[in-house]
C-alpha atoms as a PDB file:
ATOM      1  CA  UNK A   1      73.252-193.956  -7.075  1.00  0.00           C
ATOM      2  CA  UNK A   2      70.922-196.354  -5.280  1.00  0.00           C
ATOM      3  CA  UNK A   3      70.361-198.013  -8.630  1.00  0.00           C
ATOM      4  CA  UNK A   4      74.021-198.832  -8.664  1.00  0.00           C
ATOM      5  CA  UNK A   5      74.008-200.366  -5.381  1.00  0.00           C
ATOM      6  CA  UNK A   6      71.116-202.178  -5.412  1.00  0.00           C
ATOM      7  CA  UNK A   7      71.463-203.603  -8.943  1.00  0.00           C
ATOM      8  CA  UNK A   8      71.393-206.836  -9.304  1.00  0.00           C
ATOM      9  CA  UNK A   9      68.346-207.010  -6.708  1.00  0.00           C
ATOM     10  CA  UNK A  10      68.492-210.146  -4.665  1.00  0.00           C
ATOM     11  CA  UNK A  11      65.863-212.775  -5.571  1.00  0.00           C
ATOM     12  CA  UNK A  12      65.224-213.663  -1.903  1.00  0.00           C
ATOM     13  CA  UNK A  13      65.867-210.532   0.226  1.00  0.00           C
ATOM     14  CA  UNK A  14      63.760-208.386  -1.707  1.00  0.00           C
ATOM     15  CA  UNK A  15      60.279-210.126  -1.115  1.00  0.00           C
ATOM     16  CA  UNK A  16      62.011-211.505   2.437  1.00  0.00           C
ATOM     17  CA  UNK A  17      62.959-208.321   4.004  1.00  0.00           C
ATOM     18  CA  UNK A  18      62.655-205.176   1.719  1.00  0.00           C
ATOM     19  CA  UNK A  19      58.444-204.478   1.892  1.00  0.00           C
ATOM     20  CA  UNK A  20      59.000-204.839   5.508  1.00  0.00           C
ATOM     21  CA  UNK A  21      61.558-202.235   5.678  1.00  0.00           C
ATOM     22  CA  UNK A  22      59.623-199.751   3.029  1.00  0.00           C
ATOM     23  CA  UNK A  23      57.148-199.510   6.095  1.00  0.00           C
ATOM     24  CA  UNK A  24      59.546-198.129   8.536  1.00  0.00           C
ATOM     25  CA  UNK A  25      58.431-194.625   9.909  1.00  0.00           C
ATOM     26  CA  UNK A  26      61.825-192.968   9.251  1.00  0.00           C
ATOM     27  CA  UNK A  27      61.887-194.488   5.731  1.00  0.00           C
ATOM     28  CA  UNK A  28      61.883-191.302   3.231  1.00  0.00           C
ATOM     29  CA  UNK A  29      62.655-192.518  -0.164  1.00  0.00           C
ATOM     30  CA  UNK A  30      60.425-189.831  -1.585  1.00  0.00           C
ATOM     31  CA  UNK A  31      62.250-186.944   0.199  1.00  0.00           C
ATOM     32  CA  UNK A  32      65.567-188.423   0.071  1.00  0.00           C
ATOM     33  CA  UNK A  33      66.697-185.865  -2.241  1.00  0.00           C
ATOM     34  CA  UNK A  34      65.681-183.138   0.137  1.00  0.00           C
ATOM     35  CA  UNK A  35      67.092-184.675   3.278  1.00  0.00           C
ATOM     36  CA  UNK A  36      70.614-184.703   1.422  1.00  0.00           C
ATOM     37  CA  UNK A  37      70.466-181.327   0.616  1.00  0.00           C
ATOM     38  CA  UNK A  38      69.915-180.715   4.333  1.00  0.00           C
ATOM     39  CA  UNK A  39      72.696-182.899   5.185  1.00  0.00           C
ATOM     40  CA  UNK A  40      74.947-181.004   3.092  1.00  0.00           C
ATOM     41  CA  UNK A  41      73.987-177.947   5.055  1.00  0.00           C
ATOM     42  CA  UNK A  42      75.161-179.133   8.240  1.00  0.00           C
ATOM     43  CA  UNK A  43      77.733-180.711   6.656  1.00  0.00           C
ATOM     44  CA  UNK A  44      79.282-177.346   5.263  1.00  0.00           C
ATOM     45  CA  UNK A  45      78.530-175.652   8.786  1.00  0.00           C
ATOM     46  CA  UNK A  46      80.700-178.544  10.222  1.00  0.00           C
ATOM     47  CA  UNK A  47      83.466-178.310   8.108  1.00  0.00           C
ATOM     48  CA  UNK A  48      83.718-174.415   8.390  1.00  0.00           C
ATOM     49  CA  UNK A  49      83.426-174.633  12.000  1.00  0.00           C
ATOM     50  CA  UNK A  50      86.427-177.597  12.154  1.00  0.00           C
ATOM     51  CA  UNK A  51      88.571-176.018   9.301  1.00  0.00           C
ATOM     52  CA  UNK A  52      87.926-172.338   8.691  1.00  0.00           C
ATOM     53  CA  UNK A  53      87.714-170.932  11.934  1.00  0.00           C
ATOM     54  CA  UNK A  54      83.507-170.977  11.771  1.00  0.00           C
ATOM     55  CA  UNK A  55      83.520-168.293   8.828  1.00  0.00           C
ATOM     56  CA  UNK A  56      81.456-169.397   6.091  1.00  0.00           C
ATOM     57  CA  UNK A  57      82.996-169.964   2.574  1.00  0.00           C
ATOM     58  CA  UNK A  58      81.083-170.274  -0.881  1.00  0.00           C
ATOM     59  CA  UNK A  59      80.210-173.930  -0.524  1.00  0.00           C
ATOM     60  CA  UNK A  60      78.725-173.122   3.072  1.00  0.00           C
ATOM     61  CA  UNK A  61      76.484-170.500   1.540  1.00  0.00           C
ATOM     62  CA  UNK A  62      75.730-172.449  -1.610  1.00  0.00           C
ATOM     63  CA  UNK A  63      74.434-175.425   0.595  1.00  0.00           C
ATOM     64  CA  UNK A  64      72.451-173.157   2.976  1.00  0.00           C
ATOM     65  CA  UNK A  65      70.768-171.667  -0.194  1.00  0.00           C
ATOM     66  CA  UNK A  66      69.720-174.820  -1.695  1.00  0.00           C
ATOM     67  CA  UNK A  67      68.731-176.598   1.774  1.00  0.00           C
ATOM     68  CA  UNK A  68      66.624-173.469   2.268  1.00  0.00           C
ATOM     69  CA  UNK A  69      64.356-174.114  -0.762  1.00  0.00           C
ATOM     70  CA  UNK A  70      63.150-177.569   0.769  1.00  0.00           C
ATOM     71  CA  UNK A  71      63.460-176.868   4.007  1.00  0.00           C
ATOM     72  CA  UNK A  72      59.792-177.382   5.068  1.00  0.00           C
ATOM     73  CA  UNK A  73      58.271-180.104   6.878  1.00  0.00           C
ATOM     74  CA  UNK A  74      56.614-181.274   4.225  1.00  0.00           C
ATOM     75  CA  UNK A  75      59.555-181.821   2.214  1.00  0.00           C
ATOM     76  CA  UNK A  76      61.902-183.408   4.851  1.00  0.00           C
ATOM     77  CA  UNK A  77      59.066-185.423   6.296  1.00  0.00           C
ATOM     78  CA  UNK A  78      59.346-184.356   9.370  1.00  0.00           C
ATOM     79  CA  UNK A  79      57.624-182.538  12.132  1.00  0.00           C
ATOM     80  CA  UNK A  80      59.971-179.817  12.851  1.00  0.00           C
ATOM     81  CA  UNK A  81      62.359-178.431  10.123  1.00  0.00           C
ATOM     82  CA  UNK A  82      66.001-178.467  11.810  1.00  0.00           C
ATOM     83  CA  UNK A  83      66.696-175.119  12.935  1.00  0.00           C
ATOM     84  CA  UNK A  84      69.221-173.007  10.797  1.00  0.00           C
ATOM     85  CA  UNK A  85      70.694-169.561  10.670  1.00  0.00           C
ATOM     86  CA  UNK A  86      71.091-167.584   7.400  1.00  0.00           C
ATOM     87  CA  UNK A  87      74.457-168.133   6.006  1.00  0.00           C
ATOM     88  CA  UNK A  88      76.375-165.428   4.671  1.00  0.00           C
ATOM     89  CA  UNK A  89      79.958-165.908   2.765  1.00  0.00           C
ATOM     90  CA  UNK A  90      82.652-164.395   5.159  1.00  0.00           C
ATOM     91  CA  UNK A  91      80.322-164.441   8.330  1.00  0.00           C
ATOM     92  CA  UNK A  92      80.295-166.491  11.491  1.00  0.00           C
ATOM     93  CA  UNK A  93      78.424-169.330  11.460  1.00  0.00           C
ATOM     94  CA  UNK A  94      75.747-169.889  13.955  1.00  0.00           C
ATOM     95  CA  UNK A  95      74.206-173.360  14.933  1.00  0.00           C
ATOM     96  CA  UNK A  96      71.926-173.960  17.551  1.00  0.00           C
ATOM     97  CA  UNK A  97      71.766-177.222  19.435  1.00  0.00           C
ATOM     98  CA  UNK A  98      68.218-177.431  18.438  1.00  0.00           C
ATOM     99  CA  UNK A  99      69.091-177.512  14.617  1.00  0.00           C
ATOM    100  CA  UNK A 100      71.762-180.128  15.650  1.00  0.00           C
ATOM    101  CA  UNK A 101      68.865-182.376  17.399  1.00  0.00           C
ATOM    102  CA  UNK A 102      67.015-181.860  14.148  1.00  0.00           C
ATOM    103  CA  UNK A 103      69.558-182.641  11.869  1.00  0.00           C
ATOM    104  CA  UNK A 104      70.090-185.996  13.760  1.00  0.00           C
ATOM    105  CA  UNK A 105      66.355-186.912  12.768  1.00  0.00           C
ATOM    106  CA  UNK A 106      67.524-186.412   8.965  1.00  0.00           C
ATOM    107  CA  UNK A 107      70.558-188.883   9.244  1.00  0.00           C
ATOM    108  CA  UNK A 108      68.294-191.317  11.024  1.00  0.00           C
ATOM    109  CA  UNK A 109      65.712-190.986   7.912  1.00  0.00           C
ATOM    110  CA  UNK A 110      68.846-191.066   5.124  1.00  0.00           C
ATOM    111  CA  UNK A 111      70.593-193.876   6.957  1.00  0.00           C
ATOM    112  CA  UNK A 112      66.793-196.034   7.561  1.00  0.00           C
ATOM    113  CA  UNK A 113      66.508-195.310   3.554  1.00  0.00           C
ATOM    114  CA  UNK A 114      69.423-196.232   2.511  1.00  0.00           C
ATOM    115  CA  UNK A 115      69.811-199.609   4.650  1.00  0.00           C
ATOM    116  CA  UNK A 116      66.521-200.617   3.372  1.00  0.00           C
ATOM    117  CA  UNK A 117      67.703-200.072   0.082  1.00  0.00           C
ATOM    118  CA  UNK A 118      70.495-202.153   0.210  1.00  0.00           C
ATOM    119  CA  UNK A 119      68.803-204.600   1.647  1.00  0.00           C
ATOM    120  CA  UNK A 120      67.371-205.925  -1.288  1.00  0.00           C
ATOM    121  CA  UNK A 121      70.480-206.114  -3.283  1.00  0.00           C
ATOM    122  CA  UNK A 122      72.652-209.237  -4.138  1.00  0.00           C
ATOM    123  CA  UNK A 123      75.443-207.379  -2.334  1.00  0.00           C
ATOM    124  CA  UNK A 124      73.420-207.502   0.852  1.00  0.00           C
ATOM    125  CA  UNK A 125      73.042-211.692   0.451  1.00  0.00           C
ATOM    126  CA  UNK A 126      76.959-211.595   1.528  1.00  0.00           C
ATOM    127  CA  UNK A 127      76.410-209.922   4.476  1.00  0.00           C
ATOM    128  CA  UNK A 128      73.447-211.878   5.226  1.00  0.00           C
ATOM    129  CA  UNK A 129      75.722-215.188   4.599  1.00  0.00           C
ATOM    130  CA  UNK A 130      78.425-214.284   6.911  1.00  0.00           C
ATOM    131  CA  UNK A 131      75.869-213.450   9.516  1.00  0.00           C
ATOM    132  CA  UNK A 132      74.185-216.434   9.065  1.00  0.00           C
ATOM    133  CA  UNK A 133      77.482-218.659   9.037  1.00  0.00           C
ATOM    134  CA  UNK A 134      78.665-216.449  12.243  1.00  0.00           C
ATOM    135  CA  UNK A 135      75.195-217.929  14.032  1.00  0.00           C
ATOM    136  CA  UNK A 136      75.093-220.825  13.017  1.00  0.00           C
ATOM    137  CA  UNK A 137      78.160-222.784  12.763  1.00  0.00           C
ATOM    138  CA  UNK A 138      76.697-225.824  11.210  1.00  0.00           C
ATOM    139  CA  UNK A 139      73.842-226.433   8.975  1.00  0.00           C
ATOM    140  CA  UNK A 140      70.456-227.061  10.737  1.00  0.00           C
ATOM    141  CA  UNK A 141      67.933-229.792  10.325  1.00  0.00           C
ATOM    142  CA  UNK A 142      64.302-228.660  10.074  1.00  0.00           C
ATOM    143  CA  UNK A 143      61.403-231.167  10.762  1.00  0.00           C
ATOM    144  CA  UNK A 144      59.551-231.540   7.078  1.00  0.00           C
ATOM    145  CA  UNK A 145      56.292-232.476   8.675  1.00  0.00           C
ATOM    146  CA  UNK A 146      54.994-229.611   9.936  1.00  0.00           C
ATOM    147  CA  UNK A 147      55.320-226.137   7.907  1.00  0.00           C
ATOM    148  CA  UNK A 148      54.443-223.734  11.008  1.00  0.00           C
ATOM    149  CA  UNK A 149      57.167-225.219  12.957  1.00  0.00           C
ATOM    150  CA  UNK A 150      59.246-225.213  10.109  1.00  0.00           C
ATOM    151  CA  UNK A 151      58.458-221.453   9.047  1.00  0.00           C
ATOM    152  CA  UNK A 152      58.647-220.408  12.851  1.00  0.00           C
ATOM    153  CA  UNK A 153      61.982-221.973  13.217  1.00  0.00           C
ATOM    154  CA  UNK A 154      63.653-220.159  10.590  1.00  0.00           C
ATOM    155  CA  UNK A 155      62.288-216.507  11.673  1.00  0.00           C
ATOM    156  CA  UNK A 156      64.087-217.352  15.036  1.00  0.00           C
ATOM    157  CA  UNK A 157      66.820-218.338  13.403  1.00  0.00           C
ATOM    158  CA  UNK A 158      66.786-214.958  11.335  1.00  0.00           C
ATOM    159  CA  UNK A 159      66.331-213.178  14.542  1.00  0.00           C
ATOM    160  CA  UNK A 160      69.649-214.409  16.037  1.00  0.00           C
ATOM    161  CA  UNK A 161      70.975-212.318  12.943  1.00  0.00           C
ATOM    162  CA  UNK A 162      69.673-209.435  14.635  1.00  0.00           C
ATOM    163  CA  UNK A 163      67.435-208.693  11.467  1.00  0.00           C
ATOM    164  CA  UNK A 164      64.101-207.791  11.042  1.00  0.00           C
ATOM    165  CA  UNK A 165      61.358-210.593  11.388  1.00  0.00           C
ATOM    166  CA  UNK A 166      60.810-212.046   7.598  1.00  0.00           C
ATOM    167  CA  UNK A 167      57.781-210.810   5.402  1.00  0.00           C
ATOM    168  CA  UNK A 168      57.719-214.358   3.647  1.00  0.00           C
ATOM    169  CA  UNK A 169      59.486-217.643   4.667  1.00  0.00           C
ATOM    170  CA  UNK A 170      59.492-219.468   1.335  1.00  0.00           C
ATOM    171  CA  UNK A 171      62.013-217.431  -0.615  1.00  0.00           C
ATOM    172  CA  UNK A 172      64.394-217.335   2.504  1.00  0.00           C
ATOM    173  CA  UNK A 173      63.744-221.471   2.805  1.00  0.00           C
ATOM    174  CA  UNK A 174      64.549-221.953  -0.541  1.00  0.00           C
ATOM    175  CA  UNK A 175      67.464-219.959  -0.528  1.00  0.00           C
ATOM    176  CA  UNK A 176      68.697-221.432   2.532  1.00  0.00           C
ATOM    177  CA  UNK A 177      67.959-225.217   1.361  1.00  0.00           C
ATOM    178  CA  UNK A 178      69.900-223.765  -2.021  1.00  0.00           C
ATOM    179  CA  UNK A 179      73.165-223.051   0.263  1.00  0.00           C
ATOM    180  CA  UNK A 180      72.644-226.247   2.000  1.00  0.00           C
ATOM    181  CA  UNK A 181      72.698-224.142   5.193  1.00  0.00           C
ATOM    182  CA  UNK A 182      69.599-225.932   6.137  1.00  0.00           C
ATOM    183  CA  UNK A 183      68.177-229.586   5.829  1.00  0.00           C
END
């Protein structure tokens, strides 16, 4: 799924932001499949609580069995595995607050990872462009004489978009020039 979202890749976003986003402590690309098994377990528990009177069904039991295989700190990349209780079809589901708290960490890891992956795609360029045009109504003139001032100005303009600071400015500057967003 990630490949379908990230292809084609952005020539300017990937070198500008992606490597920085990979370094985020919640980025968990290598653990993503296991994190998704944990997510599915809690989602199926929620579905049973919301729609089946809290009684486990086949889907919930299967999700529990799949999660149980990966329910380790190493597989999930967490300090503590979310508290979970055994699931038996036809029996009431028991969910603990500590499990929900741990599950929130799992969700943050999934979102951080997917956000970073999306940030390297051409589709993300449209979102970047939309934010840029909303924050900067008219093209911005940058001094040509001092490269450091120009790069610092671009970094500041990106901060206004509530995005991380760019790793490199050269590819971003070239792209902004090609879109006539800066001069």
